[in-house]
């Protein structure tokens, strides 16, 4: 989990809006925990690959609450995504 915190710290340090980064990354972590527990295995695997209707809807929901650039930049960061998936299991 320390590696995940380090990635988040780097994002916060380089952002003009560290609080937005903090709340967004925590929401992603908590949402992924729920998705990994509740989605059937085949849909969970697609979600992990950032595919499928659940993923698309989730991204749309996130862009309603957060800046679209923040959402896209962070969710497309492979290292952040992999660490978040790992801690969400």
N, C-alpha and C. Protein backbone atom coordinates (compact mmCIF):
# COMPACT_ATOMS: atom_id res chain seq x y z
N UNK A 1 0.82 -1.19 0.00
CA UNK A 1 0.00 0.00 0.00
C UNK A 1 0.87 1.26 0.00
N UNK A 2 2.06 1.15 0.55
CA UNK A 2 2.96 2.30 0.59
C UNK A 2 3.30 2.79 -0.82
N UNK A 3 3.44 1.86 -1.76
CA UNK A 3 3.73 2.26 -3.14
C UNK A 3 2.58 3.08 -3.72
N UNK A 4 1.35 2.67 -3.39
CA UNK A 4 0.18 3.40 -3.86
C UNK A 4 0.19 4.82 -3.28
N UNK A 5 0.44 4.94 -1.98
CA UNK A 5 0.51 6.25 -1.35
C UNK A 5 1.60 7.13 -1.97
N UNK A 6 2.69 6.52 -2.34
CA UNK A 6 3.78 7.26 -2.96
C UNK A 6 3.35 7.84 -4.32
N UNK A 7 2.65 7.05 -5.10
CA UNK A 7 2.14 7.52 -6.39
C UNK A 7 1.18 8.68 -6.18
N UNK A 8 0.28 8.53 -5.22
CA UNK A 8 -0.70 9.59 -4.93
C UNK A 8 0.01 10.85 -4.46
N UNK A 9 1.01 10.70 -3.61
CA UNK A 9 1.78 11.86 -3.14
C UNK A 9 2.43 12.60 -4.31
N UNK A 10 2.99 11.84 -5.24
CA UNK A 10 3.61 12.46 -6.42
C UNK A 10 2.59 13.25 -7.22
N UNK A 11 1.40 12.67 -7.40
CA UNK A 11 0.34 13.40 -8.10
C UNK A 11 -0.03 14.68 -7.36
N UNK A 12 -0.19 14.57 -6.06
CA UNK A 12 -0.58 15.74 -5.27
C UNK A 12 0.50 16.83 -5.31
N UNK A 13 1.75 16.42 -5.23
CA UNK A 13 2.86 17.38 -5.25
C UNK A 13 2.96 18.13 -6.57
N UNK A 14 2.58 17.49 -7.66
CA UNK A 14 2.71 18.12 -8.97
C UNK A 14 1.41 18.78 -9.44
N UNK A 15 0.41 18.79 -8.61
CA UNK A 15 -0.89 19.34 -9.01
C UNK A 15 -1.16 20.70 -8.38
N UNK A 16 -1.95 21.50 -9.10
CA UNK A 16 -2.42 22.76 -8.56
C UNK A 16 -3.57 22.52 -7.58
N UNK A 17 -4.15 21.33 -7.65
CA UNK A 17 -5.32 21.00 -6.84
C UNK A 17 -5.10 19.71 -6.06
N UNK A 18 -4.20 19.74 -5.07
CA UNK A 18 -3.87 18.50 -4.35
C UNK A 18 -5.06 17.87 -3.63
N UNK A 19 -5.99 18.70 -3.13
CA UNK A 19 -7.14 18.12 -2.44
C UNK A 19 -8.02 17.34 -3.42
N UNK A 20 -8.20 17.87 -4.63
CA UNK A 20 -8.98 17.15 -5.65
C UNK A 20 -8.31 15.83 -6.00
N UNK A 21 -7.01 15.82 -6.10
CA UNK A 21 -6.27 14.58 -6.37
C UNK A 21 -6.47 13.60 -5.22
N UNK A 22 -6.38 14.09 -4.01
CA UNK A 22 -6.55 13.24 -2.83
C UNK A 22 -7.93 12.59 -2.82
N UNK A 23 -8.97 13.40 -2.99
CA UNK A 23 -10.32 12.84 -2.93
C UNK A 23 -10.59 11.92 -4.12
N UNK A 24 -10.08 12.28 -5.29
CA UNK A 24 -10.30 11.44 -6.47
C UNK A 24 -9.63 10.08 -6.33
N UNK A 25 -8.37 10.07 -5.94
CA UNK A 25 -7.65 8.80 -5.84
C UNK A 25 -8.25 7.90 -4.77
N UNK A 26 -8.71 8.48 -3.68
CA UNK A 26 -9.37 7.68 -2.65
C UNK A 26 -10.70 7.13 -3.15
N UNK A 27 -11.43 7.92 -3.91
CA UNK A 27 -12.68 7.41 -4.47
C UNK A 27 -12.41 6.26 -5.43
N UNK A 28 -11.39 6.39 -6.26
CA UNK A 28 -11.04 5.32 -7.19
C UNK A 28 -10.72 4.05 -6.40
N UNK A 29 -9.93 4.18 -5.36
CA UNK A 29 -9.55 3.01 -4.55
C UNK A 29 -10.78 2.36 -3.94
N UNK A 30 -11.65 3.14 -3.37
CA UNK A 30 -12.85 2.57 -2.73
C UNK A 30 -13.82 2.00 -3.76
N UNK A 31 -13.99 2.68 -4.87
CA UNK A 31 -14.86 2.16 -5.93
C UNK A 31 -14.34 0.85 -6.48
N UNK A 32 -13.04 0.78 -6.71
CA UNK A 32 -12.47 -0.46 -7.25
C UNK A 32 -12.65 -1.61 -6.27
N UNK A 33 -12.52 -1.33 -5.00
CA UNK A 33 -12.76 -2.37 -4.00
C UNK A 33 -14.18 -2.93 -4.17
N UNK A 34 -15.15 -2.05 -4.34
CA UNK A 34 -16.53 -2.50 -4.52
C UNK A 34 -16.71 -3.27 -5.83
N UNK A 35 -16.14 -2.76 -6.91
CA UNK A 35 -16.26 -3.46 -8.19
C UNK A 35 -15.63 -4.84 -8.14
N UNK A 36 -14.47 -4.95 -7.51
CA UNK A 36 -13.78 -6.25 -7.46
C UNK A 36 -14.55 -7.25 -6.60
N UNK A 37 -15.32 -6.78 -5.68
CA UNK A 37 -16.12 -7.67 -4.84
C UNK A 37 -17.45 -8.04 -5.48
N UNK A 38 -18.05 -7.11 -6.24
CA UNK A 38 -19.42 -7.29 -6.68
C UNK A 38 -19.61 -7.73 -8.13
N UNK A 39 -18.65 -7.47 -8.98
CA UNK A 39 -18.81 -7.86 -10.38
C UNK A 39 -18.53 -9.35 -10.56
N UNK A 40 -19.28 -10.00 -11.45
CA UNK A 40 -18.93 -11.39 -11.80
C UNK A 40 -17.52 -11.44 -12.39
N UNK A 41 -16.87 -12.58 -12.26
CA UNK A 41 -15.46 -12.70 -12.64
C UNK A 41 -15.17 -12.24 -14.06
N UNK A 42 -15.97 -12.64 -15.04
CA UNK A 42 -15.68 -12.27 -16.43
C UNK A 42 -15.79 -10.76 -16.64
N UNK A 43 -16.76 -10.12 -15.99
CA UNK A 43 -16.89 -8.66 -16.12
C UNK A 43 -15.83 -7.95 -15.29
N UNK A 44 -15.42 -8.55 -14.20
CA UNK A 44 -14.34 -8.00 -13.38
C UNK A 44 -13.04 -7.96 -14.18
N UNK A 45 -12.77 -9.03 -14.94
CA UNK A 45 -11.56 -9.07 -15.75
C UNK A 45 -11.57 -7.98 -16.82
N UNK A 46 -12.72 -7.75 -17.44
CA UNK A 46 -12.83 -6.66 -18.43
C UNK A 46 -12.62 -5.31 -17.75
N UNK A 47 -13.20 -5.15 -16.57
CA UNK A 47 -13.06 -3.90 -15.84
C UNK A 47 -11.58 -3.64 -15.53
N UNK A 48 -10.86 -4.67 -15.12
CA UNK A 48 -9.44 -4.52 -14.82
C UNK A 48 -8.66 -4.06 -16.05
N UNK A 49 -9.16 -4.41 -17.24
CA UNK A 49 -8.51 -4.00 -18.49
C UNK A 49 -9.01 -2.64 -18.97
N UNK A 50 -9.84 -2.02 -18.13
CA UNK A 50 -10.44 -0.71 -18.43
C UNK A 50 -11.35 -0.78 -19.65
N UNK A 51 -12.15 -1.85 -19.67
CA UNK A 51 -13.09 -2.09 -20.76
C UNK A 51 -14.46 -2.42 -20.19
N UNK A 52 -15.45 -2.38 -21.04
CA UNK A 52 -16.77 -2.83 -20.67
C UNK A 52 -17.71 -1.71 -20.25
N UNK A 53 -19.00 -2.01 -20.24
CA UNK A 53 -19.99 -0.98 -19.93
C UNK A 53 -19.89 -0.46 -18.50
N UNK A 54 -19.52 -1.31 -17.56
CA UNK A 54 -19.39 -0.85 -16.17
C UNK A 54 -18.27 0.18 -16.05
N UNK A 55 -17.16 -0.11 -16.72
CA UNK A 55 -16.03 0.82 -16.68
C UNK A 55 -16.41 2.15 -17.33
N UNK A 56 -17.02 2.08 -18.50
CA UNK A 56 -17.41 3.30 -19.21
C UNK A 56 -18.37 4.15 -18.38
N UNK A 57 -19.34 3.51 -17.77
CA UNK A 57 -20.31 4.25 -16.94
C UNK A 57 -19.62 4.86 -15.72
N UNK A 58 -18.72 4.12 -15.14
CA UNK A 58 -17.98 4.61 -13.98
C UNK A 58 -17.16 5.86 -14.34
N UNK A 59 -16.49 5.82 -15.47
CA UNK A 59 -15.70 6.98 -15.91
C UNK A 59 -16.62 8.18 -16.13
N UNK A 60 -17.78 7.96 -16.74
CA UNK A 60 -18.73 9.07 -16.92
C UNK A 60 -19.17 9.63 -15.58
N UNK A 61 -19.43 8.75 -14.61
CA UNK A 61 -19.81 9.21 -13.27
C UNK A 61 -18.68 10.03 -12.63
N UNK A 62 -17.46 9.58 -12.80
CA UNK A 62 -16.32 10.29 -12.22
C UNK A 62 -16.16 11.68 -12.84
N UNK A 63 -16.37 11.78 -14.16
CA UNK A 63 -16.20 13.08 -14.82
C UNK A 63 -17.29 14.07 -14.44
N UNK A 64 -18.38 13.59 -13.86
CA UNK A 64 -19.40 14.50 -13.35
C UNK A 64 -18.93 15.17 -12.06
N UNK A 65 -18.09 14.48 -11.30
CA UNK A 65 -17.63 15.00 -10.00
C UNK A 65 -16.23 15.59 -10.02
N UNK A 66 -15.43 15.22 -11.01
CA UNK A 66 -14.03 15.65 -11.07
C UNK A 66 -13.69 16.15 -12.46
N UNK A 67 -12.64 16.92 -12.54
CA UNK A 67 -12.16 17.44 -13.81
C UNK A 67 -11.82 16.29 -14.75
N UNK A 68 -12.29 16.39 -15.98
CA UNK A 68 -12.10 15.30 -16.94
C UNK A 68 -10.62 15.00 -17.20
N UNK A 69 -9.78 16.03 -17.21
CA UNK A 69 -8.34 15.80 -17.43
C UNK A 69 -7.73 15.00 -16.29
N UNK A 70 -8.13 15.31 -15.06
CA UNK A 70 -7.62 14.55 -13.90
C UNK A 70 -8.05 13.09 -14.01
N UNK A 71 -9.32 12.88 -14.34
CA UNK A 71 -9.84 11.52 -14.45
C UNK A 71 -9.07 10.73 -15.49
N UNK A 72 -8.94 11.29 -16.68
CA UNK A 72 -8.27 10.57 -17.77
C UNK A 72 -6.79 10.35 -17.49
N UNK A 73 -6.11 11.39 -16.99
CA UNK A 73 -4.67 11.25 -16.72
C UNK A 73 -4.39 10.17 -15.69
N UNK A 74 -5.13 10.19 -14.61
CA UNK A 74 -4.85 9.24 -13.53
C UNK A 74 -5.31 7.83 -13.89
N UNK A 75 -6.48 7.70 -14.48
CA UNK A 75 -6.96 6.35 -14.83
C UNK A 75 -6.14 5.72 -15.95
N UNK A 76 -5.48 6.53 -16.76
CA UNK A 76 -4.64 5.98 -17.82
C UNK A 76 -3.20 5.71 -17.38
N UNK A 77 -2.89 6.05 -16.15
CA UNK A 77 -1.56 5.77 -15.60
C UNK A 77 -1.52 4.30 -15.20
N UNK A 78 -0.79 3.50 -15.95
CA UNK A 78 -0.75 2.05 -15.73
C UNK A 78 -0.25 1.69 -14.34
N UNK A 79 0.76 2.40 -13.86
CA UNK A 79 1.30 2.07 -12.54
C UNK A 79 0.26 2.32 -11.45
N UNK A 80 -0.40 3.48 -11.51
CA UNK A 80 -1.45 3.77 -10.53
C UNK A 80 -2.57 2.73 -10.61
N UNK A 81 -2.99 2.41 -11.81
CA UNK A 81 -4.10 1.47 -12.01
C UNK A 81 -3.74 0.09 -11.44
N UNK A 82 -2.57 -0.39 -11.77
CA UNK A 82 -2.17 -1.73 -11.30
C UNK A 82 -2.04 -1.77 -9.77
N UNK A 83 -1.46 -0.73 -9.18
CA UNK A 83 -1.33 -0.71 -7.71
C UNK A 83 -2.71 -0.61 -7.05
N UNK A 84 -3.61 0.16 -7.64
CA UNK A 84 -4.94 0.30 -7.07
C UNK A 84 -5.71 -1.01 -7.17
N UNK A 85 -5.60 -1.70 -8.29
CA UNK A 85 -6.23 -3.02 -8.43
C UNK A 85 -5.65 -3.98 -7.39
N UNK A 86 -4.35 -3.95 -7.23
CA UNK A 86 -3.70 -4.88 -6.29
C UNK A 86 -4.18 -4.66 -4.86
N UNK A 87 -4.35 -3.42 -4.43
CA UNK A 87 -4.77 -3.17 -3.06
C UNK A 87 -6.29 -3.33 -2.89
N UNK A 88 -7.00 -3.46 -4.00
CA UNK A 88 -8.46 -3.57 -3.95
C UNK A 88 -8.94 -5.01 -3.85
N UNK A 89 -8.03 -5.94 -3.90
CA UNK A 89 -8.42 -7.35 -3.87
C UNK A 89 -8.68 -7.82 -2.46
